[in-house]
Amino acid sequence: MLEELTPWEPRARVTSRVQSVKIDDLVISFMRTIRVPDNETINDLPPSLGRFPLFKIDDYADKLPASMAEKGGIFIPMYQREAMWIDFESKNRYAIKIFTGNVNAISGEPRVPDAASSLRRRELLGQNKPVQDYVVTPYQPWIDGVATEPGKVRQFVAMPVGSGHSVEAQMTGQETTAGLQFEVTRLDLPEEKERKINLEVKTLTGKSINIKISNHALICDLKQKIEEMEGIPPGQQRLVFDGLQLEDYRLLVDYGIEEVCDISSSPVIIESPTNEQSEQASIVHLVLRLRGGGHGPPPEPKNAEMTLAAGGAIRQSIVAVPQRQFRKTITIAFNVQLLNTASFSAVTGLAPPSTPASAAAYTRLGLPFYHLYEEPSLVSGGFSGLKSVAQIDGTPEKALEDLSIIDVKTGEPVVGYNGGNGGAKKPRGDTAGPKLGRVGLLDPRGSRAELQFTWEIAAKHKAEHLAKMESNRQSVSQSKNL
């Protein structure tokens, strides 16, 4: 199906100012964070302690092992048992597959699907379970770990290659890849389906506002129009349609509003603040999404390269993407490799980043974790046999107490927080690589498999099932005629 894909030659670069990978308008950042306690507790979002510094492999190819240099991409310094989360920002839509040691962080499947992968997918579809193995931006703003269960991830935690802790070692029985691999596909919407629609926006005071806007406009664009007409800042608007709060970087069409001409029966509502709330809103709270980190630095391992293991549990949903007529581009790929801090200093001549704060020290200072309401999602992977670092070592960690929990969107404390134990209301190139030091940011070998949407997989499975039934029917018919 490669001939049906849209050609794509993105501008890919590492931005030194904000320390991110930028592919056209997609920005991917790797965030330092607190390592959440590794036990049976499900934690809310831990804080961000800033971005990891990024270094191009090509710039240090002569000082790195050939096995790392030939992959190209970037490398990151990490302490043993340090945690990270990955942040995504974009206005356009991108499907992103994330692999840790060539194991898909969403589905648990290998990067190159095999016969066993197809069998597992058929079983999941037969049970009416999702087979999504990607995230789509801007719907998914970040990911903290591997999706072990619906609504729960196990935090990304760095461990030495060869220690036996990694996701790759546990899922495949070997450790040959390490690091992170990304496959990115831009998703375009058919231009011919875009049209102007008339919206009736009703405020809580009963006032109606009529707005003509594209059904492919972003919700933040609608808020901008409301500000132009009514003077209400976008930050004070909460738009609700059909019982759902509308997210800024989704399209009107994503909520089915494209089919609505008169929406007075299910109006979009702007919830304006009361006078008392307005007075409170004049106080600006700058909330940094401080989100999982590590304890003090343990002795550095002899192996220069680090890999990612599963840490403590975090409450997080993988956004299930509804069926749409997306046009897919050719998929591009890049590698992210992890160096322990001692090797990092030897390779770069730079001092390593400061050690991250422990979760206990962070909470002793009265600093918060973060809560974000998410729509329920059943998307998760086949990680039933995956063990966390503490489970492997037999050293469960004490749960945090007296946590301060802040709502990500409002910046206000979460009232009635239950301590984290209950539910919460990202031609394909020659296989012969270029010379070391000239690989580039993007992997010249491209992706290992074409992106398939969940509905495409389901349709293929259904067609195969019907074809098999028809073949069986014909066999029975022929037997009767003999």
Protein backbone atom coordinates (compact mmCIF):
# COMPACT_ATOMS: atom_id res chain seq x y z
CA MET A 1 0.00 0.00 0.00
CA LEU A 2 3.05 2.21 -0.08
CA GLU A 3 1.96 3.78 -3.39
CA GLU A 4 -1.20 5.12 -1.69
CA LEU A 5 0.75 7.09 0.90
CA THR A 6 1.39 10.81 0.61
CA PRO A 7 5.09 11.65 0.08
CA TRP A 8 6.61 13.51 3.01
CA GLU A 9 10.05 15.01 3.45
CA PRO A 10 9.75 16.86 6.76
CA ARG A 11 12.15 19.37 8.17
CA ALA A 12 13.63 17.50 11.13
CA ARG A 13 15.97 19.13 13.62
CA VAL A 14 17.04 19.32 17.25
CA THR A 15 16.19 22.70 18.72
CA SER A 16 18.96 23.83 21.04
CA ARG A 17 16.98 26.58 22.74
CA VAL A 18 14.16 24.38 24.03
CA GLN A 19 15.97 21.01 23.78
CA SER A 20 13.38 19.21 21.67
CA VAL A 21 13.11 17.19 18.48
CA LYS A 22 11.08 19.15 15.95
CA ILE A 23 9.59 17.52 12.85
CA ASP A 24 7.70 20.18 10.90
CA ASP A 25 5.33 21.52 13.59
CA LEU A 26 5.53 18.42 15.81
CA VAL A 27 7.64 19.05 18.92
CA ILE A 28 8.77 16.05 21.00
CA SER A 29 10.44 16.76 24.35
CA PHE A 30 11.93 14.35 26.88
CA MET A 31 11.12 15.50 30.39
CA ARG A 32 12.99 14.86 33.63
CA THR A 33 10.70 13.93 36.46
CA ILE A 34 10.29 12.29 39.85
CA ARG A 35 10.28 8.52 39.98
CA VAL A 36 6.97 7.56 41.54
CA PRO A 37 6.92 4.87 44.26
CA ASP A 38 7.13 1.41 42.70
CA ASN A 39 4.41 -0.55 44.47
CA GLU A 40 0.73 -1.39 43.99
CA THR A 41 -0.42 2.23 44.34
CA ILE A 42 -1.58 4.06 41.21
CA ASN A 43 -0.10 7.56 41.30
CA ASP A 44 -1.30 10.81 39.80
CA LEU A 45 0.92 12.70 37.36
CA PRO A 46 4.33 13.47 38.85
CA PRO A 47 6.00 16.81 38.11
CA SER A 48 8.28 18.02 35.34
CA LEU A 49 11.80 18.91 36.42
CA GLY A 50 12.72 20.39 33.06
CA ARG A 51 13.90 18.88 29.78
CA PHE A 52 16.67 16.38 29.26
CA PRO A 53 19.52 17.86 27.21
CA LEU A 54 19.69 16.36 23.70
CA PHE A 55 22.86 15.60 21.75
CA LYS A 56 23.19 14.54 18.11
CA ILE A 57 24.80 11.15 17.65
CA ASP A 58 26.65 12.34 14.54
CA ASP A 59 28.48 15.04 16.51
CA TYR A 60 30.08 12.42 18.79
CA ALA A 61 30.16 9.39 16.47
CA ASP A 62 33.93 8.95 16.81
CA LYS A 63 33.63 8.69 20.62
CA LEU A 64 30.62 6.38 20.77
CA PRO A 65 30.44 2.61 20.29
CA ALA A 66 29.83 1.77 16.62
CA SER A 67 26.58 0.03 17.59
CA MET A 68 25.24 3.39 18.81
CA ALA A 69 26.80 5.61 16.15
CA GLU A 70 25.34 3.66 13.25
CA LYS A 71 21.78 4.23 14.49
CA GLY A 72 22.00 8.02 14.23
CA GLY A 73 19.43 10.19 15.96
CA ILE A 74 20.15 11.64 19.41
CA PHE A 75 21.33 10.56 22.83
CA ILE A 76 20.29 11.61 26.34
CA PRO A 77 22.22 11.35 29.65
CA MET A 78 20.27 9.50 32.36
CA TYR A 79 21.02 8.30 35.86
CA GLN A 80 20.27 4.71 36.78
CA ARG A 81 16.65 4.50 38.05
CA GLU A 82 15.89 7.99 36.76
CA ALA A 83 12.46 8.43 35.16
CA MET A 84 11.20 10.38 32.17
CA TRP A 85 8.00 11.28 30.41
CA ILE A 86 7.59 12.33 26.78
CA ASP A 87 5.76 15.50 25.79
CA PHE A 88 4.07 16.09 22.41
CA GLU A 89 2.99 19.41 20.91
CA SER A 90 1.53 20.01 17.45
CA LYS A 91 -1.28 21.74 15.66
CA ASN A 92 -1.40 19.23 12.82
CA ARG A 93 -2.15 15.57 13.46
CA TYR A 94 0.57 12.96 13.73
CA ALA A 95 0.33 9.26 14.55
CA ILE A 96 3.33 8.27 16.67
CA LYS A 97 4.49 4.77 17.46
CA ILE A 98 6.86 4.58 20.42
CA PHE A 99 9.11 1.58 20.92
CA THR A 100 11.35 0.78 23.86
CA GLY A 101 13.96 -1.65 22.61
CA ASN A 102 11.76 -2.38 19.56
CA VAL A 103 8.78 -3.28 21.80
CA ASN A 104 5.71 -1.13 21.19
CA ALA A 105 4.98 0.90 24.35
CA ILE A 106 1.23 0.90 23.65
CA SER A 107 0.55 -2.65 22.46
CA GLY A 108 3.53 -4.65 23.71
CA GLU A 109 3.99 -6.06 20.20
CA PRO A 110 7.34 -6.24 18.36
CA ARG A 111 8.28 -3.43 16.01
CA VAL A 112 8.16 -5.85 13.07
CA PRO A 113 4.85 -7.76 13.39
CA ASP A 114 5.04 -11.54 13.16
CA ALA A 115 2.53 -14.38 12.92
CA ALA A 116 2.04 -14.34 16.69
CA SER A 117 1.20 -10.61 16.51
CA SER A 118 -1.53 -11.29 13.94
CA LEU A 119 -2.97 -14.08 16.08
CA ARG A 120 -3.06 -11.87 19.18
CA ARG A 121 -4.75 -9.09 17.22
CA ARG A 122 -7.43 -11.49 15.95
CA GLU A 123 -8.07 -12.65 19.51
CA LEU A 124 -8.41 -9.06 20.76
CA LEU A 125 -10.77 -8.12 17.94
CA GLY A 126 -12.81 -11.23 18.65
CA GLN A 127 -13.16 -10.00 22.24
CA ASN A 128 -14.12 -6.49 21.07
CA LYS A 129 -10.92 -5.05 22.53
CA PRO A 130 -8.86 -2.23 20.93
CA VAL A 131 -5.72 -2.98 18.92
CA GLN A 132 -4.43 0.62 18.76
CA ASP A 133 -0.62 0.70 18.87
CA TYR A 134 0.00 4.43 18.42
CA VAL A 135 -0.86 7.80 19.91
CA VAL A 136 -2.14 10.74 17.89
CA THR A 137 -1.21 14.34 18.59
CA PRO A 138 -2.53 16.79 19.59
CA TYR A 139 -5.08 14.46 21.23
CA GLN A 140 -2.35 12.75 23.32
CA PRO A 141 -0.30 15.55 24.95
CA TRP A 142 2.18 13.26 26.72
CA ILE A 143 2.96 9.70 27.74
CA ASP A 144 4.61 8.58 30.99
CA GLY A 145 5.28 4.90 30.38
CA VAL A 146 4.18 1.60 28.86
CA ALA A 147 0.41 1.05 28.71
CA THR A 148 0.08 -2.03 30.90
CA GLU A 149 -3.66 -1.75 31.63
CA PRO A 150 -6.57 0.48 30.56
CA GLY A 151 -6.10 3.82 32.32
CA LYS A 152 -2.69 2.86 33.75
CA VAL A 153 0.92 3.06 32.59
CA ARG A 154 4.17 1.88 34.15
CA GLN A 155 6.67 4.72 34.29
CA PHE A 156 9.69 4.86 31.97
CA VAL A 157 12.72 4.21 34.23
CA ALA A 158 16.35 3.93 33.06
CA MET A 159 18.31 0.77 33.91
CA PRO A 160 21.62 -0.62 32.60
CA VAL A 161 21.64 -2.79 29.50
CA GLY A 162 22.15 -6.39 30.59
CA SER A 163 20.55 -6.01 34.02
CA GLY A 164 17.44 -7.95 32.95
CA HIS A 165 15.04 -5.20 34.04
CA SER A 166 14.19 -3.71 30.65
CA VAL A 167 10.88 -4.02 28.84
CA GLU A 168 12.81 -5.42 25.87
CA ALA A 169 14.52 -8.16 27.92
CA GLN A 170 11.27 -9.25 29.56
CA MET A 171 9.11 -9.17 26.43
CA THR A 172 11.57 -10.65 23.93
CA GLY A 173 14.04 -12.60 26.05
CA GLN A 174 16.98 -10.64 24.67
CA GLU A 175 18.44 -7.14 24.79
CA THR A 176 19.83 -6.16 21.39
CA THR A 177 18.30 -2.74 20.65
CA ALA A 178 17.84 -0.67 23.85
CA GLY A 179 16.88 3.00 23.78
CA LEU A 180 13.73 4.43 22.20
CA GLN A 181 12.55 4.29 18.61
CA PHE A 182 9.91 6.59 17.13
CA GLU A 183 7.86 6.17 13.95
CA VAL A 184 5.91 9.26 12.90
CA THR A 185 3.19 9.54 10.25
CA ARG A 186 1.50 12.83 9.40
CA LEU A 187 -2.27 12.54 9.12
CA ASP A 188 -4.02 14.83 6.64
CA LEU A 189 -7.75 15.41 6.41
CA PRO A 190 -9.55 15.44 3.05
CA GLU A 191 -9.84 19.08 2.03
CA GLU A 192 -13.01 18.56 0.01
CA LYS A 193 -15.04 17.75 3.11
CA GLU A 194 -14.34 21.06 4.81
CA ARG A 195 -17.33 23.42 4.83
CA LYS A 196 -18.73 26.39 6.68
CA ILE A 197 -21.34 25.77 9.35
CA ASN A 198 -23.46 28.05 11.50
CA LEU A 199 -23.13 27.63 15.25
CA GLU A 200 -25.42 29.00 17.91
CA VAL A 201 -23.43 29.54 21.07
CA LYS A 202 -25.44 30.07 24.24
CA THR A 203 -24.09 31.61 27.42
CA LEU A 204 -25.36 30.84 30.90
CA THR A 205 -27.14 34.21 30.88
CA GLY A 206 -29.27 32.99 27.97
CA LYS A 207 -27.60 35.17 25.34
CA SER A 208 -27.13 33.55 21.92
CA ILE A 209 -24.15 34.19 19.65
CA ASN A 210 -24.25 33.12 16.00
CA ILE A 211 -20.89 32.20 14.51
CA LYS A 212 -20.05 31.02 10.99
CA ILE A 213 -16.94 28.86 11.06
CA SER A 214 -15.29 25.94 9.28
CA ASN A 215 -16.26 22.51 10.56
CA HIS A 216 -12.51 21.77 10.50
CA ALA A 217 -11.68 24.71 12.77
CA LEU A 218 -9.95 24.00 16.05
CA ILE A 219 -11.82 24.57 19.30
CA CYS A 220 -9.22 27.22 20.21
CA ASP A 221 -10.13 29.02 16.94
CA LEU A 222 -13.77 29.05 18.02
CA LYS A 223 -12.75 30.50 21.39
CA GLN A 224 -10.79 33.18 19.56
CA LYS A 225 -13.89 34.17 17.58
CA ILE A 226 -15.93 34.32 20.78
CA GLU A 227 -13.32 36.62 22.29
CA GLU A 228 -13.47 38.90 19.23
CA MET A 229 -17.26 39.13 19.49
CA GLU A 230 -17.80 39.12 23.25
CA GLY A 231 -14.46 40.07 24.80
CA ILE A 232 -14.28 36.90 26.87
CA PRO A 233 -10.66 35.66 27.01
CA PRO A 234 -10.22 32.06 25.79
CA GLY A 235 -8.79 31.08 29.17
CA GLN A 236 -12.12 31.93 30.82
CA GLN A 237 -14.18 29.91 28.34
CA ARG A 238 -15.24 26.34 28.87
CA LEU A 239 -17.11 25.04 25.86
CA VAL A 240 -19.49 22.14 26.33
CA PHE A 241 -21.35 20.28 23.57
CA ASP A 242 -23.57 17.26 24.05
CA GLY A 243 -22.27 16.84 27.59
CA LEU A 244 -18.59 16.89 26.61
CA GLN A 245 -16.06 19.59 27.40
CA LEU A 246 -14.35 20.57 24.14
CA GLU A 247 -10.55 20.30 24.04
CA ASP A 248 -8.61 23.20 22.48
CA TYR A 249 -6.70 21.23 19.85
CA ARG A 250 -9.50 19.11 18.51
CA LEU A 251 -11.64 19.97 15.51
CA LEU A 252 -15.33 20.81 15.63
CA VAL A 253 -15.83 17.83 13.32
CA ASP A 254 -14.19 15.58 15.93
CA TYR A 255 -17.24 16.07 18.14
CA GLY A 256 -19.78 15.51 15.36
CA ILE A 257 -20.56 19.23 15.21
CA GLU A 258 -20.09 19.12 11.41
CA GLU A 259 -23.51 17.50 11.11
CA VAL A 260 -25.26 20.10 13.25
CA CYS A 261 -27.05 23.11 11.73
CA ASP A 262 -29.35 24.07 14.59
CA ILE A 263 -27.78 23.08 17.88
CA SER A 264 -30.15 24.94 20.16
CA SER A 265 -31.33 21.62 21.64
CA SER A 266 -27.76 20.66 22.53
CA PRO A 267 -26.11 24.05 22.75
CA VAL A 268 -22.45 24.86 23.07
CA ILE A 269 -22.24 26.57 26.44
CA ILE A 270 -19.72 29.14 27.63
CA GLU A 271 -19.46 28.88 31.37
CA SER A 272 -18.45 32.38 32.40
CA PRO A 273 -17.06 32.94 35.90
CA THR A 274 -19.17 34.58 38.60
CA ASN A 275 -18.07 37.93 40.06
CA GLU A 276 -16.37 36.12 42.92
CA GLN A 277 -14.61 33.78 40.50
CA SER A 278 -13.60 36.73 38.31
CA GLU A 279 -11.87 38.35 41.28
CA GLN A 280 -10.04 35.10 41.91
CA ALA A 281 -9.19 34.76 38.21
CA SER A 282 -7.33 38.11 38.34
CA ILE A 283 -4.63 36.30 40.35
CA VAL A 284 -2.41 34.56 37.82
CA HIS A 285 -1.14 31.13 38.82
CA LEU A 286 1.76 29.88 36.72
CA VAL A 287 1.57 26.11 37.12
CA LEU A 288 4.51 24.09 35.83
CA ARG A 289 3.41 20.60 35.01
CA LEU A 290 5.97 19.08 37.30
CA ARG A 291 5.46 15.48 36.45
CA GLY A 292 7.86 10.94 37.60
CA GLY A 293 12.52 11.44 38.87
CA GLY A 294 14.77 9.34 40.84
CA HIS A 295 16.55 8.81 44.09
CA GLY A 296 20.16 9.87 44.60
CA PRO A 297 22.57 8.52 42.02
CA PRO A 298 23.53 4.86 42.54
CA PRO A 299 26.89 3.57 41.34
CA GLU A 300 27.03 3.93 37.58
CA PRO A 301 26.98 0.66 35.63
CA LYS A 302 29.93 -0.40 33.51
CA ASN A 303 27.80 -0.62 30.36
CA ALA A 304 27.65 2.81 28.73
CA GLU A 305 24.19 2.34 27.28
CA MET A 306 21.00 2.46 29.30
CA THR A 307 17.62 0.99 28.49
CA LEU A 308 14.08 1.57 29.76
CA ALA A 309 12.37 -0.57 32.36
CA ALA A 310 8.89 -0.39 33.89
CA GLY A 311 8.61 1.63 37.10
CA GLY A 312 5.73 2.64 39.35
CA ALA A 313 2.14 2.89 38.13
CA ILE A 314 0.65 6.20 36.95
CA ARG A 315 -2.98 6.96 36.20
CA GLN A 316 -3.03 7.78 32.49
CA SER A 317 -5.22 6.90 29.52
CA ILE A 318 -4.12 6.37 25.94
CA VAL A 319 -6.58 8.40 23.88
CA ALA A 320 -8.61 6.12 21.59
CA VAL A 321 -8.72 7.77 18.16
CA PRO A 322 -12.14 7.62 16.43
CA GLN A 323 -12.43 6.50 12.82
CA ARG A 324 -11.73 9.28 10.35
CA GLN A 325 -10.81 9.53 6.67
CA PHE A 326 -7.18 10.42 7.32
CA ARG A 327 -4.69 10.49 4.48
CA LYS A 328 -1.44 8.94 5.69
CA THR A 329 2.01 10.09 4.67
CA ILE A 330 5.05 7.91 4.36
CA THR A 331 6.32 7.14 7.87
CA ILE A 332 9.63 8.54 9.10
CA ALA A 333 11.63 7.19 12.04
CA PHE A 334 14.32 8.30 14.48
CA ASN A 335 16.28 6.78 17.35
CA VAL A 336 16.86 8.04 20.89
CA GLN A 337 19.69 6.39 22.80
CA LEU A 338 20.42 6.62 26.51
CA LEU A 339 23.88 7.04 28.06
CA ASN A 340 24.72 6.66 31.72
CA THR A 341 26.12 9.87 33.18
CA ALA A 342 29.71 8.65 33.59
CA SER A 343 29.91 7.66 29.93
CA PHE A 344 28.18 10.89 28.97
CA SER A 345 30.94 12.94 30.58
CA ALA A 346 33.64 10.83 28.92
CA VAL A 347 32.03 11.25 25.49
CA THR A 348 31.10 14.94 25.64
CA GLY A 349 33.53 16.37 28.19
CA LEU A 350 30.54 17.97 29.93
CA ALA A 351 29.35 17.59 33.48
CA PRO A 352 26.18 15.47 33.75
CA PRO A 353 22.87 17.06 34.74
CA SER A 354 22.20 17.43 38.46
CA THR A 355 20.67 14.41 40.16
CA PRO A 356 16.86 14.46 40.25
CA ALA A 357 15.00 14.93 43.51
CA SER A 358 13.44 11.88 45.12
CA ALA A 359 9.67 11.68 45.39
CA ALA A 360 9.90 11.72 49.19
CA ALA A 361 12.03 14.88 49.22
CA TYR A 362 9.68 16.52 46.75
CA THR A 363 6.60 15.88 48.87
CA ARG A 364 8.38 16.93 52.09
CA LEU A 365 8.69 20.36 50.51
CA GLY A 366 4.92 20.40 50.04
CA LEU A 367 5.19 20.39 46.25
CA PRO A 368 2.30 18.86 44.30
CA PHE A 369 1.59 16.02 41.94
CA TYR A 370 -0.98 16.64 39.18
CA HIS A 371 -4.41 15.37 38.27
CA LEU A 372 -6.00 15.51 34.82
CA TYR A 373 -9.49 14.33 34.02
CA GLU A 374 -9.36 12.00 31.01
CA GLU A 375 -12.12 10.26 29.10
CA PRO A 376 -12.05 6.52 29.88
CA SER A 377 -10.11 4.45 27.35
CA LEU A 378 -9.62 0.71 26.95
CA VAL A 379 -6.38 1.08 24.97
CA SER A 380 -3.51 -0.87 26.53
CA GLY A 381 -1.07 -3.59 25.57
CA GLY A 382 -0.23 -7.22 26.20
CA PHE A 383 2.10 -6.60 29.13
CA SER A 384 0.62 -9.19 31.51
CA GLY A 385 4.02 -10.76 32.20
CA LEU A 386 5.91 -7.48 32.54
CA LYS A 387 7.39 -6.80 35.98
CA SER A 388 8.47 -3.46 37.38
CA VAL A 389 11.96 -2.80 38.73
CA ALA A 390 10.79 -3.23 42.33
CA GLN A 391 8.92 -6.43 41.51
CA ILE A 392 12.07 -7.93 39.96
CA ASP A 393 14.28 -6.78 42.84
CA GLY A 394 11.70 -7.69 45.51
CA THR A 395 11.88 -4.18 47.01
CA PRO A 396 8.44 -2.51 46.94
CA GLU A 397 8.59 1.16 47.89
CA LYS A 398 6.50 3.01 50.45
CA ALA A 399 3.55 4.97 49.09
CA LEU A 400 3.64 8.75 49.41
CA GLU A 401 1.40 10.34 52.04
CA ASP A 402 -0.23 13.76 52.43
CA LEU A 403 0.18 14.58 48.76
CA SER A 404 -0.93 17.90 47.37
CA ILE A 405 -2.75 17.27 44.07
CA ILE A 406 -3.25 20.08 41.55
CA ASP A 407 -5.66 19.96 38.59
CA VAL A 408 -3.58 20.37 35.41
CA LYS A 409 -6.17 22.53 33.64
CA THR A 410 -7.41 24.80 36.41
CA GLY A 411 -4.29 25.01 38.59
CA GLU A 412 -6.55 24.52 41.62
CA PRO A 413 -6.19 21.86 44.34
CA VAL A 414 -8.20 18.70 43.74
CA VAL A 415 -10.86 18.49 46.46
CA GLY A 416 -11.51 15.14 48.09
CA TYR A 417 -8.42 13.46 46.68
CA ASN A 418 -8.24 9.87 47.87
CA GLY A 419 -4.50 9.31 48.05
CA GLY A 420 -4.13 7.78 44.62
CA ASN A 421 -5.74 4.41 45.35
CA GLY A 422 -9.11 4.93 43.67
CA GLY A 423 -10.47 5.87 40.28
CA ALA A 424 -9.91 9.30 38.80
CA LYS A 425 -13.60 11.57 38.26
CA LYS A 426 3.97 8.81 18.66
CA PRO A 427 10.93 2.83 -1.39
CA ARG A 428 11.89 2.94 2.42
CA GLY A 429 15.62 3.49 2.27
CA ASP A 430 18.60 1.25 1.66
CA THR A 431 19.37 -1.30 4.39
CA ALA A 432 23.06 -0.44 4.10
CA GLY A 433 23.56 2.52 6.41
CA PRO A 434 25.61 5.62 5.63
CA LYS A 435 29.03 6.27 7.11
CA LEU A 436 29.27 6.84 10.85
CA GLY A 437 28.90 10.50 11.70
CA ARG A 438 26.70 11.11 8.65
CA VAL A 439 23.57 9.20 9.56
CA GLY A 440 21.50 12.25 10.48
CA LEU A 441 18.60 12.74 12.85
CA LEU A 442 16.13 10.59 10.91
CA ASP A 443 16.74 6.88 10.45
CA PRO A 444 17.48 6.37 6.71
CA ARG A 445 15.93 2.89 6.93
CA GLY A 446 12.56 4.44 7.74
CA SER A 447 9.78 2.57 9.52
CA ARG A 448 9.64 -1.20 9.91
CA ALA A 449 5.93 -1.52 9.13
CA GLU A 450 3.25 0.71 7.64
CA LEU A 451 0.88 2.42 10.07
CA GLN A 452 -2.47 0.65 10.24
CA PHE A 453 -5.43 2.26 11.96
CA THR A 454 -7.49 0.14 14.31
CA TRP A 455 -10.47 0.24 11.95
CA GLU A 456 -8.28 -0.89 9.03
CA ILE A 457 -7.06 -3.86 11.05
CA ALA A 458 -10.64 -4.71 12.04
CA ALA A 459 -11.84 -4.48 8.41
CA LYS A 460 -9.00 -6.72 7.24
CA HIS A 461 -9.76 -9.23 9.99
CA LYS A 462 -13.46 -9.24 9.03
CA ALA A 463 -12.66 -9.73 5.33
CA GLU A 464 -10.32 -12.64 6.13
CA HIS A 465 -12.96 -14.19 8.38
CA LEU A 466 -15.66 -13.92 5.69
CA ALA A 467 -13.30 -15.31 3.05
CA LYS A 468 -12.52 -18.28 5.29
CA MET A 469 -16.23 -18.91 5.90
CA GLU A 470 -16.93 -18.77 2.17
CA SER A 471 -14.06 -21.16 1.47
CA ASN A 472 -15.42 -23.59 4.07
CA ARG A 473 -18.92 -23.30 2.61
CA GLN A 474 -17.64 -24.10 -0.87
CA SER A 475 -15.67 -27.07 0.46
CA VAL A 476 -18.78 -28.46 2.14
CA SER A 477 -20.82 -27.88 -1.03
CA GLN A 478 -18.26 -29.68 -3.17
CA SER A 479 -18.18 -32.61 -0.74
CA LYS A 480 -21.96 -32.98 -0.98
CA ASN A 481 -21.79 -33.02 -4.79
CA LEU A 482 -19.31 -35.88 -4.83
